[in-house]
Amino acid sequence: MRRVPPDRCGVSLFVPTLSEVGPAGAILRLAGGLARRSIGVELVVADAGGPVLDRFPPSPRVIDLAAQRLRDAVEPLTGYLRQVRPACLLSRAAAANVAASTARELSGIPVRLVLVEDSHLAGQLTSGRVPVDLLPTLAWFYSRADAVVATSRSVADDVHSHLDLPRERIHVIADAANELHSYLPILGLAEPQVQRRSA
């Protein structure tokens, strides 16, 4: 596998907002880990308002799409993909995943797409966060993603059940300090080789 030079954006991480500490914190840990390995990374946020970013140095470059609603982020995200042409786009949470998937389709750019699901669709359906009539769209987009990641086995089982996605296609990576090692092959990246000094 190749390693993307640090002077270009190898991975773009898309999140709706930086106001929720849990999801944003997990994305920022991943971004910081990639940056420390000299992998170009940018954090693309639909609405970058929020205090979370300052808590997780080193901060990646932040691209604020200035979209108050996720559906309004599709057009600027499409333009971003066409201009920057990252090697990989990773998105997190069902609604953001729909926006990211739509932007990739519209952009026509062959960017690798990784979708992360961090909560049970059953609960999101019950609460109304995900409308029932959105399930066919979710299923279509998730089936076209290059990789789907669930943050727990139960979430993976839930995605398989609701979206009829083959269970073997769903990677399970829990949010943890050592999660980067598991993400590297899914992102299509090789960890940089450390040069050893000769004795």
C-alpha atoms as a PDB file:
ATOM      1  CA  MET A   1       0.000   0.000   0.000  1.00  0.00           C
ATOM      2  CA  ARG A   2       1.122   3.536  -0.686  1.00  0.00           C
ATOM      3  CA  ARG A   3       1.780   6.342   1.732  1.00  0.00           C
ATOM      4  CA  VAL A   4       0.470   9.784   0.860  1.00  0.00           C
ATOM      5  CA  PRO A   5       3.137  12.511   1.100  1.00  0.00           C
ATOM      6  CA  PRO A   6       2.587  15.015   3.919  1.00  0.00           C
ATOM      7  CA  ASP A   7       2.346  17.965   1.534  1.00  0.00           C
ATOM      8  CA  ARG A   8      -1.009  16.855   0.110  1.00  0.00           C
ATOM      9  CA  CYS A   9      -4.289  15.855   1.687  1.00  0.00           C
ATOM     10  CA  GLY A  10      -4.329  12.086   1.908  1.00  0.00           C
ATOM     11  CA  VAL A  11      -7.396  11.790   4.149  1.00  0.00           C
ATOM     12  CA  SER A  12     -10.330  14.155   4.574  1.00  0.00           C
ATOM     13  CA  LEU A  13     -12.410  13.575   7.704  1.00  0.00           C
ATOM     14  CA  PHE A  14     -15.977  14.881   7.463  1.00  0.00           C
ATOM     15  CA  VAL A  15     -18.100  15.628  10.527  1.00  0.00           C
ATOM     16  CA  PRO A  16     -21.279  17.704  10.966  1.00  0.00           C
ATOM     17  CA  THR A  17     -20.058  19.779  13.908  1.00  0.00           C
ATOM     18  CA  LEU A  18     -17.398  20.134  16.588  1.00  0.00           C
ATOM     19  CA  SER A  19     -19.925  20.730  19.361  1.00  0.00           C
ATOM     20  CA  GLU A  20     -20.330  17.073  20.390  1.00  0.00           C
ATOM     21  CA  VAL A  21     -17.288  15.952  22.364  1.00  0.00           C
ATOM     22  CA  GLY A  22     -17.666  12.199  21.772  1.00  0.00           C
ATOM     23  CA  PRO A  23     -17.844  11.906  17.971  1.00  0.00           C
ATOM     24  CA  ALA A  24     -15.674  14.980  17.351  1.00  0.00           C
ATOM     25  CA  GLY A  25     -13.110  13.766  19.878  1.00  0.00           C
ATOM     26  CA  ALA A  26     -12.800  10.399  18.134  1.00  0.00           C
ATOM     27  CA  ILE A  27     -12.339  12.077  14.745  1.00  0.00           C
ATOM     28  CA  LEU A  28      -9.762  14.501  16.150  1.00  0.00           C
ATOM     29  CA  ARG A  29      -7.774  11.673  17.744  1.00  0.00           C
ATOM     30  CA  LEU A  30      -7.699   9.946  14.360  1.00  0.00           C
ATOM     31  CA  ALA A  31      -6.650  13.181  12.641  1.00  0.00           C
ATOM     32  CA  GLY A  32      -3.892  13.781  15.166  1.00  0.00           C
ATOM     33  CA  GLY A  33      -2.600  10.235  14.779  1.00  0.00           C
ATOM     34  CA  LEU A  34      -2.490  10.542  10.995  1.00  0.00           C
ATOM     35  CA  ALA A  35      -0.700  13.889  11.208  1.00  0.00           C
ATOM     36  CA  ARG A  36       1.924  12.492  13.575  1.00  0.00           C
ATOM     37  CA  ARG A  37       2.660   9.827  10.944  1.00  0.00           C
ATOM     38  CA  SER A  38       3.205  12.493   8.277  1.00  0.00           C
ATOM     39  CA  ILE A  39      -0.021  11.593   6.468  1.00  0.00           C
ATOM     40  CA  GLY A  40      -1.741  14.657   5.049  1.00  0.00           C
ATOM     41  CA  VAL A  41      -5.110  15.128   6.758  1.00  0.00           C
ATOM     42  CA  GLU A  42      -7.831  17.769   6.757  1.00  0.00           C
ATOM     43  CA  LEU A  43     -10.878  18.045   8.989  1.00  0.00           C
ATOM     44  CA  VAL A  44     -13.901  19.100   6.942  1.00  0.00           C
ATOM     45  CA  VAL A  45     -16.774  20.359   9.092  1.00  0.00           C
ATOM     46  CA  ALA A  46     -20.261  21.291   7.967  1.00  0.00           C
ATOM     47  CA  ASP A  47     -20.391  23.910  10.731  1.00  0.00           C
ATOM     48  CA  ALA A  48     -17.110  24.393  12.597  1.00  0.00           C
ATOM     49  CA  GLY A  49     -18.614  26.264  15.536  1.00  0.00           C
ATOM     50  CA  GLY A  50     -17.820  24.510  18.828  1.00  0.00           C
ATOM     51  CA  PRO A  51     -15.162  24.281  21.540  1.00  0.00           C
ATOM     52  CA  VAL A  52     -13.914  20.756  20.886  1.00  0.00           C
ATOM     53  CA  LEU A  53     -11.062  21.460  18.474  1.00  0.00           C
ATOM     54  CA  ASP A  54      -8.899  23.317  21.001  1.00  0.00           C
ATOM     55  CA  ARG A  55      -8.906  20.308  23.350  1.00  0.00           C
ATOM     56  CA  PHE A  56      -7.123  17.938  21.007  1.00  0.00           C
ATOM     57  CA  PRO A  57      -3.711  19.174  19.864  1.00  0.00           C
ATOM     58  CA  PRO A  58      -2.128  18.836  17.394  1.00  0.00           C
ATOM     59  CA  SER A  59      -5.056  20.283  15.485  1.00  0.00           C
ATOM     60  CA  PRO A  60      -5.423  19.354  11.822  1.00  0.00           C
ATOM     61  CA  ARG A  61      -6.258  21.930   9.192  1.00  0.00           C
ATOM     62  CA  VAL A  62      -9.977  22.688   9.450  1.00  0.00           C
ATOM     63  CA  ILE A  63     -12.165  23.384   6.428  1.00  0.00           C
ATOM     64  CA  ASP A  64     -15.408  25.064   7.513  1.00  0.00           C
ATOM     65  CA  LEU A  65     -18.187  24.555   4.956  1.00  0.00           C
ATOM     66  CA  ALA A  66     -20.328  27.087   6.867  1.00  0.00           C
ATOM     67  CA  ALA A  67     -23.470  24.999   6.428  1.00  0.00           C
ATOM     68  CA  GLN A  68     -25.969  25.088   9.275  1.00  0.00           C
ATOM     69  CA  ARG A  69     -27.727  21.985   7.953  1.00  0.00           C
ATOM     70  CA  LEU A  70     -26.103  18.864   6.572  1.00  0.00           C
ATOM     71  CA  ARG A  71     -28.078  18.988   3.340  1.00  0.00           C
ATOM     72  CA  ASP A  72     -26.599  22.443   2.743  1.00  0.00           C
ATOM     73  CA  ALA A  73     -23.095  20.954   3.112  1.00  0.00           C
ATOM     74  CA  VAL A  74     -23.412  18.689   0.058  1.00  0.00           C
ATOM     75  CA  GLU A  75     -22.677  21.360  -2.553  1.00  0.00           C
ATOM     76  CA  PRO A  76     -19.571  22.851  -0.846  1.00  0.00           C
ATOM     77  CA  LEU A  77     -18.317  19.359   0.031  1.00  0.00           C
ATOM     78  CA  THR A  78     -18.688  18.363  -3.627  1.00  0.00           C
ATOM     79  CA  GLY A  79     -16.656  21.395  -4.646  1.00  0.00           C
ATOM     80  CA  TYR A  80     -14.046  20.600  -2.004  1.00  0.00           C
ATOM     81  CA  LEU A  81     -13.611  17.051  -3.335  1.00  0.00           C
ATOM     82  CA  ARG A  82     -13.205  18.302  -6.899  1.00  0.00           C
ATOM     83  CA  GLN A  83     -10.625  20.880  -5.861  1.00  0.00           C
ATOM     84  CA  VAL A  84      -8.594  18.964  -3.277  1.00  0.00           C
ATOM     85  CA  ARG A  85      -9.049  15.407  -4.644  1.00  0.00           C
ATOM     86  CA  PRO A  86      -8.130  13.602  -1.402  1.00  0.00           C
ATOM     87  CA  ALA A  87      -7.159   9.953  -1.538  1.00  0.00           C
ATOM     88  CA  CYS A  88      -9.822   9.058   1.037  1.00  0.00           C
ATOM     89  CA  LEU A  89     -12.936  10.628   2.547  1.00  0.00           C
ATOM     90  CA  LEU A  90     -14.061   9.335   5.938  1.00  0.00           C
ATOM     91  CA  SER A  91     -17.428  10.366   7.335  1.00  0.00           C
ATOM     92  CA  ARG A  92     -19.084   9.559  10.644  1.00  0.00           C
ATOM     93  CA  ALA A  93     -22.784   9.151  11.634  1.00  0.00           C
ATOM     94  CA  ALA A  94     -25.729   8.269   9.396  1.00  0.00           C
ATOM     95  CA  ALA A  95     -26.831  11.747   8.302  1.00  0.00           C
ATOM     96  CA  ALA A  96     -23.256  12.878   7.631  1.00  0.00           C
ATOM     97  CA  ASN A  97     -22.618   9.640   5.754  1.00  0.00           C
ATOM     98  CA  VAL A  98     -25.501  10.402   3.388  1.00  0.00           C
ATOM     99  CA  ALA A  99     -24.104  13.895   2.753  1.00  0.00           C
ATOM    100  CA  ALA A 100     -20.584  12.553   2.160  1.00  0.00           C
ATOM    101  CA  SER A 101     -21.810   9.775  -0.121  1.00  0.00           C
ATOM    102  CA  THR A 102     -23.930  12.201  -2.142  1.00  0.00           C
ATOM    103  CA  ALA A 103     -20.997  14.593  -2.512  1.00  0.00           C
ATOM    104  CA  ARG A 104     -18.736  11.820  -3.757  1.00  0.00           C
ATOM    105  CA  GLU A 105     -21.313  10.725  -6.339  1.00  0.00           C
ATOM    106  CA  LEU A 106     -21.800  14.297  -7.567  1.00  0.00           C
ATOM    107  CA  SER A 107     -18.098  15.111  -7.636  1.00  0.00           C
ATOM    108  CA  GLY A 108     -17.201  12.294 -10.006  1.00  0.00           C
ATOM    109  CA  ILE A 109     -13.893  12.000  -8.154  1.00  0.00           C
ATOM    110  CA  PRO A 110     -12.663   8.426  -7.480  1.00  0.00           C
ATOM    111  CA  VAL A 111     -12.039   9.105  -3.792  1.00  0.00           C
ATOM    112  CA  ARG A 112     -12.055   6.146  -1.417  1.00  0.00           C
ATOM    113  CA  LEU A 113     -15.109   6.432   0.850  1.00  0.00           C
ATOM    114  CA  VAL A 114     -15.170   5.098   4.412  1.00  0.00           C
ATOM    115  CA  LEU A 115     -18.415   5.416   6.380  1.00  0.00           C
ATOM    116  CA  VAL A 116     -18.378   5.117  10.174  1.00  0.00           C
ATOM    117  CA  GLU A 117     -21.550   4.302  12.103  1.00  0.00           C
ATOM    118  CA  ASP A 118     -21.337   5.030  15.822  1.00  0.00           C
ATOM    119  CA  SER A 119     -24.878   4.425  17.065  1.00  0.00           C
ATOM    120  CA  HIS A 120     -27.674   1.928  16.577  1.00  0.00           C
ATOM    121  CA  LEU A 121     -29.966   2.681  13.667  1.00  0.00           C
ATOM    122  CA  ALA A 122     -32.822   1.184  15.668  1.00  0.00           C
ATOM    123  CA  GLY A 123     -32.462   3.948  18.257  1.00  0.00           C
ATOM    124  CA  GLN A 124     -32.075   6.632  15.596  1.00  0.00           C
ATOM    125  CA  LEU A 125     -35.275   5.426  13.919  1.00  0.00           C
ATOM    126  CA  THR A 126     -37.154   5.470  17.214  1.00  0.00           C
ATOM    127  CA  SER A 127     -35.968   8.972  18.088  1.00  0.00           C
ATOM    128  CA  GLY A 128     -36.667  10.303  14.616  1.00  0.00           C
ATOM    129  CA  ARG A 129     -33.039  11.265  13.960  1.00  0.00           C
ATOM    130  CA  VAL A 130     -33.167   8.948  10.946  1.00  0.00           C
ATOM    131  CA  PRO A 131     -36.541   8.841   9.126  1.00  0.00           C
ATOM    132  CA  VAL A 132     -37.763   5.372   8.177  1.00  0.00           C
ATOM    133  CA  ASP A 133     -38.035   6.388   4.525  1.00  0.00           C
ATOM    134  CA  LEU A 134     -34.289   7.184   4.533  1.00  0.00           C
ATOM    135  CA  LEU A 135     -33.331   3.527   5.084  1.00  0.00           C
ATOM    136  CA  PRO A 136     -33.339   2.555   1.381  1.00  0.00           C
ATOM    137  CA  THR A 137     -31.071   5.533   0.646  1.00  0.00           C
ATOM    138  CA  LEU A 138     -28.762   4.571   3.496  1.00  0.00           C
ATOM    139  CA  ALA A 139     -28.636   0.983   2.289  1.00  0.00           C
ATOM    140  CA  TRP A 140     -27.747   2.089  -1.259  1.00  0.00           C
ATOM    141  CA  PHE A 141     -25.008   4.476  -0.141  1.00  0.00           C
ATOM    142  CA  TYR A 142     -23.513   2.065   2.406  1.00  0.00           C
ATOM    143  CA  SER A 143     -23.391  -0.684  -0.226  1.00  0.00           C
ATOM    144  CA  ARG A 144     -21.386   1.627  -2.519  1.00  0.00           C
ATOM    145  CA  ALA A 145     -18.874   2.674   0.155  1.00  0.00           C
ATOM    146  CA  ASP A 146     -15.367   1.243  -0.057  1.00  0.00           C
ATOM    147  CA  ALA A 147     -15.529   0.362   3.639  1.00  0.00           C
ATOM    148  CA  VAL A 148     -18.072   0.558   6.455  1.00  0.00           C
ATOM    149  CA  VAL A 149     -16.908   0.775  10.058  1.00  0.00           C
ATOM    150  CA  ALA A 150     -18.996   0.236  13.196  1.00  0.00           C
ATOM    151  CA  THR A 151     -17.763   1.320  16.602  1.00  0.00           C
ATOM    152  CA  SER A 152     -19.016  -1.861  18.307  1.00  0.00           C
ATOM    153  CA  ARG A 153     -20.155  -5.361  17.405  1.00  0.00           C
ATOM    154  CA  SER A 154     -23.739  -4.545  18.355  1.00  0.00           C
ATOM    155  CA  VAL A 155     -23.727  -1.495  16.055  1.00  0.00           C
ATOM    156  CA  ALA A 156     -22.303  -3.690  13.266  1.00  0.00           C
ATOM    157  CA  ASP A 157     -25.086  -6.238  13.808  1.00  0.00           C
ATOM    158  CA  ASP A 158     -27.631  -3.403  13.774  1.00  0.00           C
ATOM    159  CA  VAL A 159     -26.301  -2.010  10.458  1.00  0.00           C
ATOM    160  CA  HIS A 160     -26.361  -5.514   8.973  1.00  0.00           C
ATOM    161  CA  SER A 161     -29.945  -6.031  10.144  1.00  0.00           C
ATOM    162  CA  HIS A 162     -31.412  -2.701   9.018  1.00  0.00           C
ATOM    163  CA  LEU A 163     -29.455  -2.134   5.802  1.00  0.00           C
ATOM    164  CA  ASP A 164     -29.007  -5.751   4.687  1.00  0.00           C
ATOM    165  CA  LEU A 165     -25.275  -5.143   4.346  1.00  0.00           C
ATOM    166  CA  PRO A 166     -23.202  -8.345   4.464  1.00  0.00           C
ATOM    167  CA  ARG A 167     -21.795  -8.661   7.975  1.00  0.00           C
ATOM    168  CA  GLU A 168     -18.346  -9.539   6.665  1.00  0.00           C
ATOM    169  CA  ARG A 169     -18.174  -6.136   4.951  1.00  0.00           C
ATOM    170  CA  ILE A 170     -18.548  -4.270   8.237  1.00  0.00           C
ATOM    171  CA  HIS A 171     -15.331  -3.605  10.166  1.00  0.00           C
ATOM    172  CA  VAL A 172     -15.546  -3.185  13.928  1.00  0.00           C
ATOM    173  CA  ILE A 173     -13.204  -0.554  15.383  1.00  0.00           C
ATOM    174  CA  ALA A 174     -13.996   0.735  18.855  1.00  0.00           C
ATOM    175  CA  ASP A 175     -13.202   4.340  19.747  1.00  0.00           C
ATOM    176  CA  ALA A 176      -9.935   4.034  21.645  1.00  0.00           C
ATOM    177  CA  ALA A 177      -6.456   5.472  21.824  1.00  0.00           C
ATOM    178  CA  ASN A 178      -5.033   2.643  19.663  1.00  0.00           C
ATOM    179  CA  GLU A 179      -7.677   2.796  16.923  1.00  0.00           C
ATOM    180  CA  LEU A 180      -5.347   4.320  14.304  1.00  0.00           C
ATOM    181  CA  HIS A 181      -3.514   1.044  13.660  1.00  0.00           C
ATOM    182  CA  SER A 182      -6.822  -0.588  12.689  1.00  0.00           C
ATOM    183  CA  TYR A 183      -7.882   2.314  10.473  1.00  0.00           C
ATOM    184  CA  LEU A 184      -4.728   2.548   8.344  1.00  0.00           C
ATOM    185  CA  PRO A 185      -5.457  -0.424   6.014  1.00  0.00           C
ATOM    186  CA  ILE A 186      -9.139   0.564   5.761  1.00  0.00           C
ATOM    187  CA  LEU A 187      -8.124   4.064   4.701  1.00  0.00           C
ATOM    188  CA  GLY A 188      -5.884   2.528   2.053  1.00  0.00           C
ATOM    189  CA  LEU A 189      -2.731   3.836   3.692  1.00  0.00           C
ATOM    190  CA  ALA A 190       0.471   2.196   4.821  1.00  0.00           C
ATOM    191  CA  GLU A 191       2.063   3.257   8.068  1.00  0.00           C
ATOM    192  CA  PRO A 192       5.343   5.084   7.411  1.00  0.00           C
ATOM    193  CA  GLN A 193       8.450   3.013   7.918  1.00  0.00           C
ATOM    194  CA  VAL A 194      10.664   4.153  10.765  1.00  0.00           C
ATOM    195  CA  GLN A 195      14.288   4.442   9.774  1.00  0.00           C
ATOM    196  CA  ARG A 196      16.622   2.756  12.239  1.00  0.00           C
ATOM    197  CA  ARG A 197      20.043   4.093  13.014  1.00  0.00           C
ATOM    198  CA  SER A 198      22.880   1.759  12.305  1.00  0.00           C
ATOM    199  CA  ALA A 199      24.875   0.755  15.348  1.00  0.00           C
END
